[in-house]
Amino acid sequence: QMQSKFLMRFLLAHHLGGAPLNTRQILI
C-alpha cells in the first residue's frame, strides 16, 4: 500500500506532463 502510493504518484505526474492534480493535493 505504501510503496504503490508513491509509485503511482510518480507515474501520474509524468503522464500528466507536470500538470497539477488539485484534488489529489486536497486528499493528501
PDB file of all heavy atoms in Angstrom:
ATOM      1  N   GLN A   1       0.823  -1.204   0.000  1.00  0.00           N
ATOM      2  CA  GLN A   1       0.000   0.000   0.000  1.00  0.00           C
ATOM      3  C   GLN A   1       0.862   1.262   0.000  1.00  0.00           C
ATOM      4  O   GLN A   1       0.602   2.206  -0.757  1.00  0.00           O
ATOM      5  CB  GLN A   1      -0.921  -0.004   1.214  1.00  0.00           C
ATOM      6  CG  GLN A   1      -1.991  -1.084   1.189  1.00  0.00           C
ATOM      7  CD  GLN A   1      -2.869  -1.050   2.426  1.00  0.00           C
ATOM      8  OE1 GLN A   1      -3.113  -0.004   3.009  1.00  0.00           O
ATOM      9  NE2 GLN A   1      -3.346  -2.216   2.837  1.00  0.00           N
ATOM     10  N   MET A   2       1.884   1.277   0.841  1.00  0.00           N
ATOM     11  CA  MET A   2       2.728   2.465   0.956  1.00  0.00           C
ATOM     12  C   MET A   2       3.556   2.684  -0.309  1.00  0.00           C
ATOM     13  O   MET A   2       3.598   3.784  -0.860  1.00  0.00           O
ATOM     14  CB  MET A   2       3.643   2.333   2.168  1.00  0.00           C
ATOM     15  CG  MET A   2       4.577   3.530   2.376  1.00  0.00           C
ATOM     16  SD  MET A   2       3.683   5.078   2.669  1.00  0.00           S
ATOM     17  CE  MET A   2       2.959   4.720   4.274  1.00  0.00           C
ATOM     18  N   GLN A   3       4.221   1.631  -0.794  1.00  0.00           N
ATOM     19  CA  GLN A   3       5.070   1.781  -1.968  1.00  0.00           C
ATOM     20  C   GLN A   3       4.251   2.094  -3.217  1.00  0.00           C
ATOM     21  O   GLN A   3       4.678   2.899  -4.058  1.00  0.00           O
ATOM     22  CB  GLN A   3       5.909   0.513  -2.175  1.00  0.00           C
ATOM     23  CG  GLN A   3       6.971   0.310  -1.109  1.00  0.00           C
ATOM     24  CD  GLN A   3       7.893  -0.867  -1.426  1.00  0.00           C
ATOM     25  OE1 GLN A   3       7.615  -1.682  -2.311  1.00  0.00           O
ATOM     26  NE2 GLN A   3       8.992  -0.958  -0.696  1.00  0.00           N
ATOM     27  N   SER A   4       3.086   1.495  -3.348  1.00  0.00           N
ATOM     28  CA  SER A   4       2.260   1.747  -4.528  1.00  0.00           C
ATOM     29  C   SER A   4       1.754   3.186  -4.549  1.00  0.00           C
ATOM     30  O   SER A   4       1.601   3.785  -5.618  1.00  0.00           O
ATOM     31  CB  SER A   4       1.081   0.771  -4.584  1.00  0.00           C
ATOM     32  OG  SER A   4       0.196   0.960  -3.490  1.00  0.00           O
ATOM     33  N   LYS A   5       1.512   3.762  -3.382  1.00  0.00           N
ATOM     34  CA  LYS A   5       1.051   5.151  -3.320  1.00  0.00           C
ATOM     35  C   LYS A   5       2.085   6.088  -3.942  1.00  0.00           C
ATOM     36  O   LYS A   5       1.754   6.925  -4.789  1.00  0.00           O
ATOM     37  CB  LYS A   5       0.786   5.539  -1.862  1.00  0.00           C
ATOM     38  CG  LYS A   5       0.432   7.008  -1.677  1.00  0.00           C
ATOM     39  CD  LYS A   5       0.075   7.338  -0.236  1.00  0.00           C
ATOM     40  CE  LYS A   5       1.276   7.249   0.686  1.00  0.00           C
ATOM     41  NZ  LYS A   5       0.931   7.713   2.064  1.00  0.00           N
ATOM     42  N   PHE A   6       3.352   5.949  -3.525  1.00  0.00           N
ATOM     43  CA  PHE A   6       4.387   6.844  -4.048  1.00  0.00           C
ATOM     44  C   PHE A   6       4.721   6.530  -5.505  1.00  0.00           C
ATOM     45  O   PHE A   6       5.023   7.437  -6.286  1.00  0.00           O
ATOM     46  CB  PHE A   6       5.635   6.757  -3.177  1.00  0.00           C
ATOM     47  CG  PHE A   6       5.437   7.341  -1.808  1.00  0.00           C
ATOM     48  CD1 PHE A   6       5.361   6.526  -0.691  1.00  0.00           C
ATOM     49  CD2 PHE A   6       5.279   8.707  -1.644  1.00  0.00           C
ATOM     50  CE1 PHE A   6       5.158   7.070   0.572  1.00  0.00           C
ATOM     51  CE2 PHE A   6       5.078   9.262  -0.384  1.00  0.00           C
ATOM     52  CZ  PHE A   6       5.010   8.436   0.727  1.00  0.00           C
ATOM     53  N   LEU A   7       4.639   5.246  -5.878  1.00  0.00           N
ATOM     54  CA  LEU A   7       4.899   4.882  -7.270  1.00  0.00           C
ATOM     55  C   LEU A   7       3.838   5.482  -8.185  1.00  0.00           C
ATOM     56  O   LEU A   7       4.168   6.082  -9.226  1.00  0.00           O
ATOM     57  CB  LEU A   7       4.930   3.363  -7.425  1.00  0.00           C
ATOM     58  CG  LEU A   7       5.071   2.847  -8.855  1.00  0.00           C
ATOM     59  CD1 LEU A   7       6.358   3.358  -9.506  1.00  0.00           C
ATOM     60  CD2 LEU A   7       5.023   1.314  -8.885  1.00  0.00           C
ATOM     61  N   MET A   8       2.566   5.349  -7.830  1.00  0.00           N
ATOM     62  CA  MET A   8       1.509   5.870  -8.691  1.00  0.00           C
ATOM     63  C   MET A   8       1.539   7.395  -8.729  1.00  0.00           C
ATOM     64  O   MET A   8       1.264   7.998  -9.773  1.00  0.00           O
ATOM     65  CB  MET A   8       0.141   5.373  -8.219  1.00  0.00           C
ATOM     66  CG  MET A   8      -0.070   3.875  -8.406  1.00  0.00           C
ATOM     67  SD  MET A   8       0.303   3.287 -10.080  1.00  0.00           S
ATOM     68  CE  MET A   8      -0.831   4.257 -11.054  1.00  0.00           C
ATOM     69  N   ARG A   9       1.902   8.023  -7.645  1.00  0.00           N
ATOM     70  CA  ARG A   9       2.024   9.482  -7.647  1.00  0.00           C
ATOM     71  C   ARG A   9       3.094   9.912  -8.657  1.00  0.00           C
ATOM     72  O   ARG A   9       2.908  10.879  -9.406  1.00  0.00           O
ATOM     73  CB  ARG A   9       2.384   9.962  -6.246  1.00  0.00           C
ATOM     74  CG  ARG A   9       2.261  11.460  -6.054  1.00  0.00           C
ATOM     75  CD  ARG A   9       2.584  11.863  -4.632  1.00  0.00           C
ATOM     76  NE  ARG A   9       1.672  11.255  -3.671  1.00  0.00           N
ATOM     77  CZ  ARG A   9       1.784  11.389  -2.358  1.00  0.00           C
ATOM     78  NH1 ARG A   9       2.787  12.100  -1.854  1.00  0.00           N
ATOM     79  NH2 ARG A   9       0.930  10.821  -1.550  1.00  0.00           N
ATOM     80  N   PHE A  10       4.211   9.189  -8.683  1.00  0.00           N
ATOM     81  CA  PHE A  10       5.304   9.479  -9.618  1.00  0.00           C
ATOM     82  C   PHE A  10       4.869   9.246 -11.064  1.00  0.00           C
ATOM     83  O   PHE A  10       5.107  10.087 -11.944  1.00  0.00           O
ATOM     84  CB  PHE A  10       6.506   8.614  -9.274  1.00  0.00           C
ATOM     85  CG  PHE A  10       7.540   8.505 -10.353  1.00  0.00           C
ATOM     86  CD1 PHE A  10       8.355   9.584 -10.678  1.00  0.00           C
ATOM     87  CD2 PHE A  10       7.717   7.317 -11.054  1.00  0.00           C
ATOM     88  CE1 PHE A  10       9.311   9.485 -11.686  1.00  0.00           C
ATOM     89  CE2 PHE A  10       8.653   7.206 -12.055  1.00  0.00           C
ATOM     90  CZ  PHE A  10       9.455   8.293 -12.373  1.00  0.00           C
ATOM     91  N   LEU A  11       4.228   8.115 -11.333  1.00  0.00           N
ATOM     92  CA  LEU A  11       3.831   7.785 -12.702  1.00  0.00           C
ATOM     93  C   LEU A  11       2.767   8.753 -13.229  1.00  0.00           C
ATOM     94  O   LEU A  11       2.834   9.191 -14.387  1.00  0.00           O
ATOM     95  CB  LEU A  11       3.311   6.346 -12.764  1.00  0.00           C
ATOM     96  CG  LEU A  11       4.341   5.249 -12.478  1.00  0.00           C
ATOM     97  CD1 LEU A  11       3.670   3.876 -12.474  1.00  0.00           C
ATOM     98  CD2 LEU A  11       5.474   5.285 -13.489  1.00  0.00           C
ATOM     99  N   LEU A  12       1.803   9.087 -12.403  1.00  0.00           N
ATOM    100  CA  LEU A  12       0.766  10.020 -12.846  1.00  0.00           C
ATOM    101  C   LEU A  12       1.355  11.395 -13.137  1.00  0.00           C
ATOM    102  O   LEU A  12       0.985  12.040 -14.120  1.00  0.00           O
ATOM    103  CB  LEU A  12      -0.333  10.126 -11.786  1.00  0.00           C
ATOM    104  CG  LEU A  12      -1.262   8.918 -11.671  1.00  0.00           C
ATOM    105  CD1 LEU A  12      -2.123   9.030 -10.426  1.00  0.00           C
ATOM    106  CD2 LEU A  12      -2.133   8.767 -12.910  1.00  0.00           C
ATOM    107  N   ALA A  13       2.277  11.837 -12.294  1.00  0.00           N
ATOM    108  CA  ALA A  13       2.903  13.141 -12.529  1.00  0.00           C
ATOM    109  C   ALA A  13       3.611  13.163 -13.878  1.00  0.00           C
ATOM    110  O   ALA A  13       3.552  14.159 -14.619  1.00  0.00           O
ATOM    111  CB  ALA A  13       3.891  13.456 -11.406  1.00  0.00           C
ATOM    112  N   HIS A  14       4.273  12.069 -14.220  1.00  0.00           N
ATOM    113  CA  HIS A  14       4.960  12.001 -15.511  1.00  0.00           C
ATOM    114  C   HIS A  14       3.962  12.083 -16.663  1.00  0.00           C
ATOM    115  O   HIS A  14       4.145  12.865 -17.606  1.00  0.00           O
ATOM    116  CB  HIS A  14       5.760  10.707 -15.609  1.00  0.00           C
ATOM    117  CG  HIS A  14       6.349  10.477 -16.966  1.00  0.00           C
ATOM    118  ND1 HIS A  14       7.546  11.031 -17.360  1.00  0.00           N
ATOM    119  CD2 HIS A  14       5.891   9.769 -18.049  1.00  0.00           C
ATOM    120  CE1 HIS A  14       7.821  10.671 -18.599  1.00  0.00           C
ATOM    121  NE2 HIS A  14       6.821   9.913 -19.045  1.00  0.00           N
ATOM    122  N   HIS A  15       2.924  11.276 -16.615  1.00  0.00           N
ATOM    123  CA  HIS A  15       1.991  11.208 -17.739  1.00  0.00           C
ATOM    124  C   HIS A  15       1.083  12.434 -17.827  1.00  0.00           C
ATOM    125  O   HIS A  15       0.498  12.692 -18.884  1.00  0.00           O
ATOM    126  CB  HIS A  15       1.176   9.923 -17.663  1.00  0.00           C
ATOM    127  CG  HIS A  15       2.000   8.692 -17.880  1.00  0.00           C
ATOM    128  ND1 HIS A  15       2.706   8.475 -19.044  1.00  0.00           N
ATOM    129  CD2 HIS A  15       2.268   7.629 -17.068  1.00  0.00           C
ATOM    130  CE1 HIS A  15       3.363   7.323 -18.954  1.00  0.00           C
ATOM    131  NE2 HIS A  15       3.114   6.810 -17.770  1.00  0.00           N
ATOM    132  N   LEU A  16       1.000  13.194 -16.751  1.00  0.00           N
ATOM    133  CA  LEU A  16       0.269  14.455 -16.792  1.00  0.00           C
ATOM    134  C   LEU A  16       1.125  15.594 -17.316  1.00  0.00           C
ATOM    135  O   LEU A  16       0.646  16.721 -17.474  1.00  0.00           O
ATOM    136  CB  LEU A  16      -0.260  14.813 -15.399  1.00  0.00           C
ATOM    137  CG  LEU A  16      -1.467  13.996 -14.927  1.00  0.00           C
ATOM    138  CD1 LEU A  16      -1.643  14.135 -13.421  1.00  0.00           C
ATOM    139  CD2 LEU A  16      -2.733  14.440 -15.655  1.00  0.00           C
ATOM    140  N   GLY A  17       2.400  15.322 -17.556  1.00  0.00           N
ATOM    141  CA  GLY A  17       3.294  16.337 -18.097  1.00  0.00           C
ATOM    142  C   GLY A  17       3.498  17.518 -17.178  1.00  0.00           C
ATOM    143  O   GLY A  17       3.691  18.646 -17.640  1.00  0.00           O
ATOM    144  N   GLY A  18       3.453  17.288 -15.891  1.00  0.00           N
ATOM    145  CA  GLY A  18       3.668  18.363 -14.934  1.00  0.00           C
ATOM    146  C   GLY A  18       2.405  19.099 -14.521  1.00  0.00           C
ATOM    147  O   GLY A  18       2.455  19.953 -13.629  1.00  0.00           O
ATOM    148  N   ALA A  19       1.278  18.803 -15.155  1.00  0.00           N
ATOM    149  CA  ALA A  19       0.021  19.459 -14.759  1.00  0.00           C
ATOM    150  C   ALA A  19      -0.375  19.003 -13.362  1.00  0.00           C
ATOM    151  O   ALA A  19      -0.374  17.803 -13.077  1.00  0.00           O
ATOM    152  CB  ALA A  19      -1.091  19.121 -15.754  1.00  0.00           C
ATOM    153  N   PRO A  20      -0.709  19.926 -12.480  1.00  0.00           N
ATOM    154  CA  PRO A  20      -1.042  19.532 -11.106  1.00  0.00           C
ATOM    155  C   PRO A  20      -2.402  18.849 -11.031  1.00  0.00           C
ATOM    156  O   PRO A  20      -3.307  19.122 -11.820  1.00  0.00           O
ATOM    157  CB  PRO A  20      -1.062  20.866 -10.355  1.00  0.00           C
ATOM    158  CG  PRO A  20      -1.445  21.870 -11.403  1.00  0.00           C
ATOM    159  CD  PRO A  20      -0.795  21.391 -12.672  1.00  0.00           C
ATOM    160  N   LEU A  21      -2.517  17.939 -10.074  1.00  0.00           N
ATOM    161  CA  LEU A  21      -3.803  17.338  -9.747  1.00  0.00           C
ATOM    162  C   LEU A  21      -4.293  18.003  -8.470  1.00  0.00           C
ATOM    163  O   LEU A  21      -3.854  17.666  -7.370  1.00  0.00           O
ATOM    164  CB  LEU A  21      -3.667  15.821  -9.552  1.00  0.00           C
ATOM    165  CG  LEU A  21      -3.633  14.968 -10.811  1.00  0.00           C
ATOM    166  CD1 LEU A  21      -3.252  13.539 -10.474  1.00  0.00           C
ATOM    167  CD2 LEU A  21      -4.993  14.994 -11.512  1.00  0.00           C
ATOM    168  N   ASN A  22      -5.196  18.936  -8.630  1.00  0.00           N
ATOM    169  CA  ASN A  22      -5.608  19.740  -7.490  1.00  0.00           C
ATOM    170  C   ASN A  22      -6.357  18.931  -6.439  1.00  0.00           C
ATOM    171  O   ASN A  22      -6.166  19.130  -5.240  1.00  0.00           O
ATOM    172  CB  ASN A  22      -6.468  20.900  -7.975  1.00  0.00           C
ATOM    173  CG  ASN A  22      -5.706  21.785  -8.943  1.00  0.00           C
ATOM    174  OD1 ASN A  22      -4.606  22.219  -8.653  1.00  0.00           O
ATOM    175  ND2 ASN A  22      -6.283  22.022 -10.105  1.00  0.00           N
ATOM    176  N   THR A  23      -7.212  18.028  -6.884  1.00  0.00           N
ATOM    177  CA  THR A  23      -7.954  17.229  -5.908  1.00  0.00           C
ATOM    178  C   THR A  23      -7.032  16.265  -5.169  1.00  0.00           C
ATOM    179  O   THR A  23      -7.267  15.948  -4.008  1.00  0.00           O
ATOM    180  CB  THR A  23      -9.083  16.452  -6.592  1.00  0.00           C
ATOM    181  OG1 THR A  23      -8.592  15.842  -7.788  1.00  0.00           O
ATOM    182  CG2 THR A  23     -10.238  17.359  -6.937  1.00  0.00           C
ATOM    183  N   ARG A  24      -5.980  15.776  -5.819  1.00  0.00           N
ATOM    184  CA  ARG A  24      -5.043  14.904  -5.118  1.00  0.00           C
ATOM    185  C   ARG A  24      -4.375  15.664  -3.980  1.00  0.00           C
ATOM    186  O   ARG A  24      -4.182  15.126  -2.890  1.00  0.00           O
ATOM    187  CB  ARG A  24      -3.973  14.335  -6.064  1.00  0.00           C
ATOM    188  CG  ARG A  24      -2.892  13.554  -5.302  1.00  0.00           C
ATOM    189  CD  ARG A  24      -1.854  12.963  -6.207  1.00  0.00           C
ATOM    190  NE  ARG A  24      -2.209  11.640  -6.661  1.00  0.00           N
ATOM    191  CZ  ARG A  24      -2.120  10.542  -5.902  1.00  0.00           C
ATOM    192  NH1 ARG A  24      -1.748  10.644  -4.648  1.00  0.00           N
ATOM    193  NH2 ARG A  24      -2.431   9.368  -6.377  1.00  0.00           N
ATOM    194  N   GLN A  25      -4.010  16.919  -4.228  1.00  0.00           N
ATOM    195  CA  GLN A  25      -3.363  17.687  -3.167  1.00  0.00           C
ATOM    196  C   GLN A  25      -4.303  17.879  -1.985  1.00  0.00           C
ATOM    197  O   GLN A  25      -3.891  17.826  -0.831  1.00  0.00           O
ATOM    198  CB  GLN A  25      -2.904  19.048  -3.701  1.00  0.00           C
ATOM    199  CG  GLN A  25      -2.059  19.834  -2.707  1.00  0.00           C
ATOM    200  CD  GLN A  25      -0.835  19.053  -2.257  1.00  0.00           C
ATOM    201  OE1 GLN A  25      -0.052  18.557  -3.077  1.00  0.00           O
ATOM    202  NE2 GLN A  25      -0.676  18.910  -0.945  1.00  0.00           N
ATOM    203  N   ILE A  26      -5.598  18.081  -2.276  1.00  0.00           N
ATOM    204  CA  ILE A  26      -6.564  18.196  -1.190  1.00  0.00           C
ATOM    205  C   ILE A  26      -6.631  16.885  -0.418  1.00  0.00           C
ATOM    206  O   ILE A  26      -6.669  16.862   0.816  1.00  0.00           O
ATOM    207  CB  ILE A  26      -7.955  18.572  -1.734  1.00  0.00           C
ATOM    208  CG1 ILE A  26      -7.916  19.937  -2.416  1.00  0.00           C
ATOM    209  CG2 ILE A  26      -8.989  18.590  -0.617  1.00  0.00           C
ATOM    210  CD1 ILE A  26      -9.187  20.293  -3.173  1.00  0.00           C
ATOM    211  N   LEU A  27      -6.619  15.767  -1.147  1.00  0.00           N
ATOM    212  CA  LEU A  27      -6.654  14.453  -0.490  1.00  0.00           C
ATOM    213  C   LEU A  27      -5.416  14.236   0.367  1.00  0.00           C
ATOM    214  O   LEU A  27      -5.494  13.720   1.477  1.00  0.00           O
ATOM    215  CB  LEU A  27      -6.761  13.343  -1.544  1.00  0.00           C
ATOM    216  CG  LEU A  27      -8.126  13.142  -2.198  1.00  0.00           C
ATOM    217  CD1 LEU A  27      -8.005  12.240  -3.419  1.00  0.00           C
ATOM    218  CD2 LEU A  27      -9.107  12.545  -1.198  1.00  0.00           C
ATOM    219  N   ILE A  28      -4.263  14.613  -0.165  1.00  0.00           N
ATOM    220  CA  ILE A  28      -3.020  14.462   0.596  1.00  0.00           C
ATOM    221  C   ILE A  28      -3.088  15.280   1.877  1.00  0.00           C
ATOM    222  O   ILE A  28      -2.743  14.808   2.964  1.00  0.00           O
ATOM    223  CB  ILE A  28      -1.804  14.883  -0.267  1.00  0.00           C
ATOM    224  CG1 ILE A  28      -1.590  13.877  -1.392  1.00  0.00           C
ATOM    225  CG2 ILE A  28      -0.552  14.984   0.591  1.00  0.00           C
ATOM    226  CD1 ILE A  28      -0.551  14.308  -2.396  1.00  0.00           C
TER     227      ILE A  28
END
